[in-house]
PDB file of N, CA and C in Angstrom:
ATOM      1  N   MET A   1       5.577   3.458   5.042  1.00  0.00           N
ATOM      2  CA  MET A   1       5.009   1.826   4.797  1.00  0.00           C
ATOM      3  C   MET A   1       4.583   1.521   6.046  1.00  0.00           C
ATOM      4  N   ALA A   2       3.423   0.903   5.943  1.00  0.00           N
ATOM      5  CA  ALA A   2       2.239   0.210   7.181  1.00  0.00           C
ATOM      6  C   ALA A   2       1.676  -1.120   6.739  1.00  0.00           C
ATOM      7  N   THR A   3       1.777  -2.059   6.870  1.00  0.00           N
ATOM      8  CA  THR A   3       0.246  -3.083   7.161  1.00  0.00           C
ATOM      9  C   THR A   3      -0.559  -2.799   8.132  1.00  0.00           C
ATOM     10  N   LEU A   4      -1.096  -2.591   7.909  1.00  0.00           N
ATOM     11  CA  LEU A   4      -2.926  -2.340   8.757  1.00  0.00           C
ATOM     12  C   LEU A   4      -3.323  -3.912   9.155  1.00  0.00           C
ATOM     13  N   ALA A   5      -3.425  -5.319   7.824  1.00  0.00           N
ATOM     14  CA  ALA A   5      -3.881  -6.244   8.221  1.00  0.00           C
ATOM     15  C   ALA A   5      -3.916  -7.218   7.198  1.00  0.00           C
ATOM     16  N   ARG A   6      -4.561  -8.426   6.441  1.00  0.00           N
ATOM     17  CA  ARG A   6      -4.319  -9.067   5.453  1.00  0.00           C
ATOM     18  C   ARG A   6      -4.808  -8.381   4.331  1.00  0.00           C
ATOM     19  N   ASN A   7      -3.686  -7.987   3.377  1.00  0.00           N
ATOM     20  CA  ASN A   7      -4.342  -7.381   1.778  1.00  0.00           C
ATOM     21  C   ASN A   7      -4.495  -5.864   1.994  1.00  0.00           C
ATOM     22  N   LYS A   8      -4.312  -5.122   3.372  1.00  0.00           N
ATOM     23  CA  LYS A   8      -4.247  -3.610   3.405  1.00  0.00           C
ATOM     24  C   LYS A   8      -3.059  -3.268   3.729  1.00  0.00           C
ATOM     25  N   ALA A   9      -2.554  -2.356   3.001  1.00  0.00           N
ATOM     26  CA  ALA A   9      -1.641  -1.609   3.564  1.00  0.00           C
ATOM     27  C   ALA A   9      -1.457  -0.150   3.050  1.00  0.00           C
ATOM     28  N   VAL A  10      -0.868   0.913   3.473  1.00  0.00           N
ATOM     29  CA  VAL A  10      -0.399   2.115   3.322  1.00  0.00           C
ATOM     30  C   VAL A  10       1.040   2.082   2.648  1.00  0.00           C
ATOM     31  N   VAL A  11       1.675   2.873   1.119  1.00  0.00           N
ATOM     32  CA  VAL A  11       2.736   3.236   1.026  1.00  0.00           C
ATOM     33  C   VAL A  11       2.990   4.505   0.774  1.00  0.00           C
ATOM     34  N   ASP A  12       3.758   5.654   1.362  1.00  0.00           N
ATOM     35  CA  ASP A  12       3.828   6.836   0.870  1.00  0.00           C
ATOM     36  C   ASP A  12       5.604   7.310   0.275  1.00  0.00           C
ATOM     37  N   PHE A  13       5.630   6.966  -1.183  1.00  0.00           N
ATOM     38  CA  PHE A  13       7.225   7.360  -1.278  1.00  0.00           C
ATOM     39  C   PHE A  13       6.796   8.194  -1.621  1.00  0.00           C
ATOM     40  N   GLN A  14       7.998   9.122  -2.339  1.00  0.00           N
ATOM     41  CA  GLN A  14       8.131  10.381  -2.674  1.00  0.00           C
ATOM     42  C   GLN A  14       7.590  10.228  -4.242  1.00  0.00           C
ATOM     43  N   PHE A  15       7.674   9.292  -4.634  1.00  0.00           N
ATOM     44  CA  PHE A  15       7.143   9.504  -6.189  1.00  0.00           C
ATOM     45  C   PHE A  15       5.828   9.024  -6.075  1.00  0.00           C
ATOM     46  N   ALA A  16       5.285   8.059  -5.079  1.00  0.00           N
ATOM     47  CA  ALA A  16       3.854   7.612  -5.558  1.00  0.00           C
ATOM     48  C   ALA A  16       3.232   7.248  -4.070  1.00  0.00           C
ATOM     49  N   GLN A  17       1.856   7.218  -4.000  1.00  0.00           N
ATOM     50  CA  GLN A  17       1.585   6.649  -2.599  1.00  0.00           C
ATOM     51  C   GLN A  17       0.002   5.610  -2.815  1.00  0.00           C
ATOM     52  N   PHE A  18       0.095   5.102  -2.527  1.00  0.00           N
ATOM     53  CA  PHE A  18      -1.021   4.196  -2.839  1.00  0.00           C
ATOM     54  C   PHE A  18      -1.101   3.049  -1.533  1.00  0.00           C
ATOM     55  N   LYS A  19      -2.590   2.592  -1.864  1.00  0.00           N
ATOM     56  CA  LYS A  19      -3.052   2.050  -0.332  1.00  0.00           C
ATOM     57  C   LYS A  19      -3.554   0.486  -1.050  1.00  0.00           C
ATOM     58  N   GLY A  20      -4.099  -0.531  -0.217  1.00  0.00           N
ATOM     59  CA  GLY A  20      -4.798  -1.788   0.015  1.00  0.00           C
ATOM     60  C   GLY A  20      -3.868  -2.831  -0.511  1.00  0.00           C
ATOM     61  N   PHE A  21      -4.283  -3.625  -1.635  1.00  0.00           N
ATOM     62  CA  PHE A  21      -3.380  -4.712  -1.545  1.00  0.00           C
ATOM     63  C   PHE A  21      -2.651  -4.223  -2.591  1.00  0.00           C
ATOM     64  N   MET A  22      -1.972  -4.005  -3.546  1.00  0.00           N
ATOM     65  CA  MET A  22      -0.782  -3.118  -4.333  1.00  0.00           C
ATOM     66  C   MET A  22       0.212  -2.860  -3.385  1.00  0.00           C
ATOM     67  N   ALA A  23      -0.185  -2.221  -2.237  1.00  0.00           N
ATOM     68  CA  ALA A  23       0.329  -1.366  -0.863  1.00  0.00           C
ATOM     69  C   ALA A  23       1.173  -2.675  -0.405  1.00  0.00           C
ATOM     70  N   TRP A  24      -0.104  -3.500  -0.004  1.00  0.00           N
ATOM     71  CA  TRP A  24       0.275  -4.762   0.818  1.00  0.00           C
ATOM     72  C   TRP A  24       1.525  -5.482   0.480  1.00  0.00           C
ATOM     73  N   LEU A  25       1.266  -5.810  -0.729  1.00  0.00           N
ATOM     74  CA  LEU A  25       2.375  -6.675  -1.739  1.00  0.00           C
ATOM     75  C   LEU A  25       3.867  -5.704  -1.727  1.00  0.00           C
ATOM     76  N   ALA A  26       3.820  -4.109  -1.963  1.00  0.00           N
ATOM     77  CA  ALA A  26       5.151  -4.118  -2.190  1.00  0.00           C
ATOM     78  C   ALA A  26       5.786  -3.628  -0.451  1.00  0.00           C
ATOM     79  N   TRP A  27       4.941  -4.042   0.861  1.00  0.00           N
ATOM     80  CA  TRP A  27       5.159  -4.243   1.572  1.00  0.00           C
ATOM     81  C   TRP A  27       6.065  -5.317   2.311  1.00  0.00           C
ATOM     82  N   MET A  28       5.281  -6.667   1.032  1.00  0.00           N
ATOM     83  CA  MET A  28       5.830  -7.785   1.762  1.00  0.00           C
ATOM     84  C   MET A  28       7.310  -7.911   1.179  1.00  0.00           C
ATOM     85  N   LEU A  29       7.644  -7.439  -0.014  1.00  0.00           N
ATOM     86  CA  LEU A  29       8.508  -7.205  -1.600  1.00  0.00           C
ATOM     87  C   LEU A  29       9.908  -6.933  -0.644  1.00  0.00           C
ATOM     88  N   LEU A  30       9.423  -5.739  -0.403  1.00  0.00           N
ATOM     89  CA  LEU A  30      10.351  -4.843   0.456  1.00  0.00           C
ATOM     90  C   LEU A  30      10.821  -5.731   1.631  1.00  0.00           C
ATOM     91  N   HIS A  31      10.244  -6.138   2.199  1.00  0.00           N
ATOM     92  CA  HIS A  31      10.680  -6.745   3.554  1.00  0.00           C
ATOM     93  C   HIS A  31      11.572  -7.869   2.826  1.00  0.00           C
ATOM     94  N   LEU A  32      11.203  -8.713   2.541  1.00  0.00           N
ATOM     95  CA  LEU A  32      11.875  -9.730   1.283  1.00  0.00           C
ATOM     96  C   LEU A  32      13.049  -9.569   0.485  1.00  0.00           C
ATOM     97  N   ILE A  33      12.929  -8.291   0.348  1.00  0.00           N
ATOM     98  CA  ILE A  33      14.280  -8.274  -0.642  1.00  0.00           C
ATOM     99  C   ILE A  33      15.514  -7.270   0.606  1.00  0.00           C
ATOM    100  N   LEU A  34      14.661  -7.134   2.042  1.00  0.00           N
ATOM    101  CA  LEU A  34      15.756  -6.721   3.167  1.00  0.00           C
ATOM    102  C   LEU A  34      16.175  -7.542   3.962  1.00  0.00           C
ATOM    103  N   ILE A  35      15.914  -8.920   3.695  1.00  0.00           N
ATOM    104  CA  ILE A  35      16.506  -9.952   4.431  1.00  0.00           C
ATOM    105  C   ILE A  35      18.125 -10.346   3.809  1.00  0.00           C
ATOM    106  N   LEU A  36      18.724 -10.086   4.954  1.00  0.00           N
ATOM    107  CA  LEU A  36      20.111 -10.181   4.058  1.00  0.00           C
ATOM    108  C   LEU A  36      20.351 -11.556   3.978  1.00  0.00           C
ATOM    109  N   SER A  37      20.017 -12.582   4.389  1.00  0.00           N
ATOM    110  CA  SER A  37      20.855 -13.826   4.038  1.00  0.00           C
ATOM    111  C   SER A  37      20.107 -14.684   2.977  1.00  0.00           C
ATOM    112  N   LEU A  38      20.355 -14.942   2.225  1.00  0.00           N
ATOM    113  CA  LEU A  38      19.975 -15.190   0.511  1.00  0.00           C
ATOM    114  C   LEU A  38      19.056 -16.694   1.339  1.00  0.00           C
ATOM    115  N   ARG A  39      19.808 -17.552   1.648  1.00  0.00           N
ATOM    116  CA  ARG A  39      19.352 -19.132   2.374  1.00  0.00           C
ATOM    117  C   ARG A  39      18.356 -18.532   3.116  1.00  0.00           C
ATOM    118  N   ASN A  40      17.864 -17.583   4.219  1.00  0.00           N
ATOM    119  CA  ASN A  40      16.328 -17.281   4.300  1.00  0.00           C
ATOM    120  C   ASN A  40      15.293 -16.582   3.635  1.00  0.00           C
ATOM    121  N   LYS A  41      15.390 -16.249   2.603  1.00  0.00           N
ATOM    122  CA  LYS A  41      14.552 -15.783   1.751  1.00  0.00           C
ATOM    123  C   LYS A  41      13.479 -16.712   1.509  1.00  0.00           C
ATOM    124  N   PRO A  42      13.777 -17.859   0.904  1.00  0.00           N
ATOM    125  CA  PRO A  42      13.016 -18.724   0.068  1.00  0.00           C
ATOM    126  C   PRO A  42      12.088 -19.390   1.830  1.00  0.00           C
ATOM    127  N   ILE A  43      12.572 -19.370   2.732  1.00  0.00           N
ATOM    128  CA  ILE A  43      11.989 -20.155   3.796  1.00  0.00           C
ATOM    129  C   ILE A  43      11.177 -19.163   4.054  1.00  0.00           C
ATOM    130  N   ILE A  44      11.332 -17.830   4.270  1.00  0.00           N
ATOM    131  CA  ILE A  44      10.489 -17.122   4.812  1.00  0.00           C
ATOM    132  C   ILE A  44       9.440 -16.586   3.853  1.00  0.00           C
ATOM    133  N   PHE A  45       9.699 -16.804   2.947  1.00  0.00           N
ATOM    134  CA  PHE A  45       8.573 -16.457   1.424  1.00  0.00           C
ATOM    135  C   PHE A  45       7.512 -17.970   1.917  1.00  0.00           C
ATOM    136  N   THR A  46       8.303 -19.132   1.865  1.00  0.00           N
ATOM    137  CA  THR A  46       7.114 -19.995   1.686  1.00  0.00           C
ATOM    138  C   THR A  46       6.555 -20.135   3.235  1.00  0.00           C
ATOM    139  N   ASN A  47       6.837 -19.677   4.353  1.00  0.00           N
ATOM    140  CA  ASN A  47       6.440 -19.430   5.549  1.00  0.00           C
ATOM    141  C   ASN A  47       4.961 -17.975   5.143  1.00  0.00           C
ATOM    142  N   TRP A  48       5.461 -17.330   4.608  1.00  0.00           N
ATOM    143  CA  TRP A  48       4.401 -16.052   4.623  1.00  0.00           C
ATOM    144  C   TRP A  48       3.036 -16.606   3.090  1.00  0.00           C
ATOM    145  N   ALA A  49       3.770 -17.014   2.279  1.00  0.00           N
ATOM    146  CA  ALA A  49       2.862 -17.688   1.132  1.00  0.00           C
ATOM    147  C   ALA A  49       1.717 -18.888   2.137  1.00  0.00           C
ATOM    148  N   TRP A  50       2.687 -19.773   2.783  1.00  0.00           N
ATOM    149  CA  TRP A  50       1.667 -20.943   3.710  1.00  0.00           C
ATOM    150  C   TRP A  50       0.453 -20.103   4.793  1.00  0.00           C
ATOM    151  N   SER A  51       1.075 -19.195   5.779  1.00  0.00           N
ATOM    152  CA  SER A  51       0.360 -18.574   6.366  1.00  0.00           C
ATOM    153  C   SER A  51      -0.709 -17.505   5.619  1.00  0.00           C
ATOM    154  N   TYR A  52      -0.707 -17.358   4.541  1.00  0.00           N
ATOM    155  CA  TYR A  52      -1.602 -16.483   3.591  1.00  0.00           C
ATOM    156  C   TYR A  52      -2.805 -17.510   3.108  1.00  0.00           C
ATOM    157  N   VAL A  53      -2.206 -18.469   2.101  1.00  0.00           N
ATOM    158  CA  VAL A  53      -3.239 -19.289   2.106  1.00  0.00           C
ATOM    159  C   VAL A  53      -3.956 -20.148   3.015  1.00  0.00           C
ATOM    160  N   THR A  54      -3.456 -20.357   4.138  1.00  0.00           N
ATOM    161  CA  THR A  54      -4.371 -21.163   5.474  1.00  0.00           C
ATOM    162  C   THR A  54      -5.060 -20.282   6.612  1.00  0.00           C
ATOM    163  N   LYS A  55      -4.781 -18.966   6.009  1.00  0.00           N
ATOM    164  CA  LYS A  55      -5.268 -17.630   6.652  1.00  0.00           C
ATOM    165  C   LYS A  55      -4.964 -17.822   8.201  1.00  0.00           C
ATOM    166  N   ASP A  56      -3.897 -18.066   8.649  1.00  0.00           N
ATOM    167  CA  ASP A  56      -2.770 -17.942   9.727  1.00  0.00           C
ATOM    168  C   ASP A  56      -2.773 -16.293   9.844  1.00  0.00           C
ATOM    169  N   ALA A  57      -3.202 -16.566  11.198  1.00  0.00           N
ATOM    170  CA  ALA A  57      -3.600 -14.858  12.090  1.00  0.00           C
ATOM    171  C   ALA A  57      -2.597 -14.625  12.317  1.00  0.00           C
ATOM    172  N   ALA A  58      -1.047 -15.007  12.142  1.00  0.00           N
ATOM    173  CA  ALA A  58      -0.024 -14.335  12.250  1.00  0.00           C
ATOM    174  C   ALA A  58       0.158 -13.152  11.345  1.00  0.00           C
ATOM    175  N   LEU A  59      -0.570 -13.365   9.946  1.00  0.00           N
ATOM    176  CA  LEU A  59      -0.455 -11.965   8.867  1.00  0.00           C
ATOM    177  C   LEU A  59      -1.333 -10.589   9.209  1.00  0.00           C
ATOM    178  N   ASP A  60      -2.091 -11.517   9.772  1.00  0.00           N
ATOM    179  CA  ASP A  60      -3.463 -10.141  10.285  1.00  0.00           C
ATOM    180  C   ASP A  60      -2.867  -9.069  11.806  1.00  0.00           C
TER     181      ASP A  60
END
Protein backbone atom coordinates (compact mmCIF):
# COMPACT_ATOMS: atom_id res chain seq x y z
CA MET A 1 0.00 0.00 0.00
CA ALA A 2 1.20 3.46 -0.88
CA THR A 3 -0.47 6.81 -1.05
CA LEU A 4 0.69 9.05 -3.87
CA ALA A 5 -1.45 12.18 -3.53
CA ARG A 6 -4.98 13.26 -2.70
CA ASN A 7 -7.31 10.48 -3.91
CA LYS A 8 -4.41 8.54 -5.44
CA ALA A 9 -2.91 5.38 -4.02
CA VAL A 10 -2.02 1.82 -4.95
CA VAL A 11 -2.89 -1.37 -3.07
CA ASP A 12 -1.37 -4.76 -3.75
CA PHE A 13 -2.90 -7.41 -1.49
CA GLN A 14 -2.51 -11.12 -2.14
CA PHE A 15 -6.16 -11.31 -3.12
CA ALA A 16 -6.65 -7.94 -4.82
CA GLN A 17 -4.85 -5.10 -6.57
CA PHE A 18 -6.35 -1.72 -7.19
CA LYS A 19 -5.44 1.94 -7.51
CA GLY A 20 -6.95 5.38 -7.40
CA PHE A 21 -9.62 6.64 -5.01
CA MET A 22 -10.66 3.21 -3.68
CA ALA A 23 -7.03 2.37 -2.85
CA TRP A 24 -6.67 5.74 -1.13
CA LEU A 25 -9.75 5.02 1.00
CA ALA A 26 -8.38 1.56 1.85
CA TRP A 27 -5.07 3.12 2.91
CA MET A 28 -6.85 5.68 5.13
CA LEU A 29 -9.12 3.02 6.68
CA LEU A 30 -6.28 0.62 7.42
CA HIS A 31 -4.19 3.30 9.07
CA LEU A 32 -7.15 4.44 11.14
CA ILE A 33 -7.81 0.85 12.25
CA LEU A 34 -4.18 0.34 13.26
CA ILE A 35 -4.19 3.31 15.65
CA LEU A 36 -4.14 1.67 19.06
CA SER A 37 -5.85 4.27 21.19
CA LEU A 38 -9.63 4.42 20.87
CA ARG A 39 -9.57 7.97 22.18
CA ASN A 40 -7.31 9.13 19.34
CA LYS A 41 -9.25 7.54 16.47
CA PRO A 42 -12.10 10.08 16.34
CA ILE A 43 -9.64 12.97 16.70
CA ILE A 44 -7.45 11.71 13.88
CA PHE A 45 -10.45 10.97 11.68
CA THR A 46 -11.79 14.48 12.29
CA ASN A 47 -8.40 16.01 11.45
CA TRP A 48 -8.17 13.96 8.24
CA ALA A 49 -11.73 14.87 7.23
CA TRP A 50 -11.14 18.57 7.90
CA SER A 51 -7.86 18.50 5.95
CA TYR A 52 -9.60 16.78 3.06
CA VAL A 53 -12.52 19.24 2.96
CA THR A 54 -10.28 22.32 3.26
CA LYS A 55 -7.73 20.87 0.82
CA ASP A 56 -4.96 21.17 3.34
CA ALA A 57 -1.57 20.41 1.80
CA ALA A 58 -0.79 17.90 4.60
CA LEU A 59 -2.74 15.21 2.70
CA ASP A 60 -0.94 15.75 -0.61
